[in-house]
C-alpha atoms as a PDB file:
ATOM      1  CA  MET A   1       0.148   0.026  -0.054  1.00  0.00           C
ATOM      2  CA  PHE A   2       1.215   3.293  -1.089  1.00  0.00           C
ATOM      3  CA  CYS A   3       1.592   5.974   1.579  1.00  0.00           C
ATOM      4  CA  CYS A   4      -0.780   9.370   1.467  1.00  0.00           C
ATOM      5  CA  GLN A   5       1.876  11.965   0.433  1.00  0.00           C
ATOM      6  CA  TRP A   6       1.677  12.816  -3.141  1.00  0.00           C
ATOM      7  CA  ARG A   7       4.281  14.217  -5.539  1.00  0.00           C
ATOM      8  CA  LEU A   8       4.319  16.213  -9.045  1.00  0.00           C
ATOM      9  CA  LEU A   9       7.232  14.534 -11.226  1.00  0.00           C
ATOM     10  CA  ILE A  10       6.254  17.314 -14.191  1.00  0.00           C
ATOM     11  CA  ASP A  11       3.821  20.509 -14.971  1.00  0.00           C
ATOM     12  CA  ARG A  12       3.857  20.623 -18.776  1.00  0.00           C
ATOM     13  CA  ASP A  13       1.272  22.844 -20.423  1.00  0.00           C
ATOM     14  CA  GLY A  14      -1.682  22.066 -18.388  1.00  0.00           C
ATOM     15  CA  GLN A  15      -0.714  18.472 -17.571  1.00  0.00           C
ATOM     16  CA  TYR A  16       0.107  17.840 -13.811  1.00  0.00           C
ATOM     17  CA  TYR A  17       1.699  13.947 -13.890  1.00  0.00           C
ATOM     18  CA  ILE A  18       1.801  12.844  -9.960  1.00  0.00           C
ATOM     19  CA  PHE A  19       2.889   9.962  -8.227  1.00  0.00           C
ATOM     20  CA  PRO A  20       2.429   8.779  -4.585  1.00  0.00           C
ATOM     21  CA  SER A  21       5.769   8.160  -2.492  1.00  0.00           C
ATOM     22  CA  LEU A  22       6.026   5.451  -1.572  1.00  0.00           C
ATOM     23  CA  PRO A  23       7.181   3.931   1.871  1.00  0.00           C
ATOM     24  CA  LYS A  24      10.366   3.300   3.356  1.00  0.00           C
ATOM     25  CA  ASN A  25      10.269   0.153   3.422  1.00  0.00           C
ATOM     26  CA  ALA A  26       9.457  -0.662  -0.140  1.00  0.00           C
ATOM     27  CA  PRO A  27      11.415  -2.945  -2.408  1.00  0.00           C
ATOM     28  CA  PRO A  28      13.606  -1.638  -4.885  1.00  0.00           C
ATOM     29  CA  ASN A  29      11.866  -2.740  -8.089  1.00  0.00           C
ATOM     30  CA  ALA A  30       8.415  -1.186  -6.654  1.00  0.00           C
ATOM     31  CA  HIS A  31       6.915   1.295  -9.220  1.00  0.00           C
ATOM     32  CA  PRO A  32       4.201   3.627  -7.475  1.00  0.00           C
ATOM     33  CA  PRO A  33       1.107   4.563 -10.270  1.00  0.00           C
ATOM     34  CA  VAL A  34       2.070   7.475 -12.330  1.00  0.00           C
ATOM     35  CA  VAL A  35      -1.674   9.455 -12.403  1.00  0.00           C
ATOM     36  CA  VAL A  36      -1.966  12.507 -15.333  1.00  0.00           C
ATOM     37  CA  ILE A  37      -4.147  15.557 -14.865  1.00  0.00           C
ATOM     38  CA  GLN A  38      -4.939  17.205 -17.550  1.00  0.00           C
ATOM     39  CA  GLN A  39      -7.175  20.354 -18.335  1.00  0.00           C
ATOM     40  CA  SER A  40      -9.823  20.474 -21.906  1.00  0.00           C
ATOM     41  CA  ASP A  41      -9.895  23.965 -23.529  1.00  0.00           C
ATOM     42  CA  ARG A  42     -13.599  23.866 -22.408  1.00  0.00           C
ATOM     43  CA  GLY A  43     -11.932  23.694 -18.917  1.00  0.00           C
ATOM     44  CA  GLU A  44     -12.614  20.274 -17.998  1.00  0.00           C
ATOM     45  CA  TYR A  45     -10.371  18.222 -16.265  1.00  0.00           C
ATOM     46  CA  VAL A  46      -9.366  14.762 -17.208  1.00  0.00           C
ATOM     47  CA  VAL A  47      -7.664  12.466 -15.136  1.00  0.00           C
ATOM     48  CA  ILE A  48      -5.334   9.329 -16.385  1.00  0.00           C
ATOM     49  CA  LEU A  49      -4.063   6.350 -14.408  1.00  0.00           C
ATOM     50  CA  SER A  50      -1.225   4.623 -15.591  1.00  0.00           C
ATOM     51  CA  PRO A  51      -1.633   0.868 -16.024  1.00  0.00           C
ATOM     52  CA  GLU A  52      -0.347  -1.549 -13.551  1.00  0.00           C
ATOM     53  CA  ALA A  53       2.675  -3.248 -14.420  1.00  0.00           C
ATOM     54  CA  PRO A  54       2.827  -6.495 -14.083  1.00  0.00           C
ATOM     55  CA  PRO A  55       5.561  -8.423 -11.559  1.00  0.00           C
END
């Protein structure tokens, strides 16, 4: 389970890439999901969650 602190990876042209921070005891090969928040031309927000990678 990921902790609840989110970090900004990049902010590019109205697209925000964020990810949850990993706990200190996370395995070295752990990869958190990446969430992309994008604002449309009409001002609506779209949230895209990265697919879960197989182990």
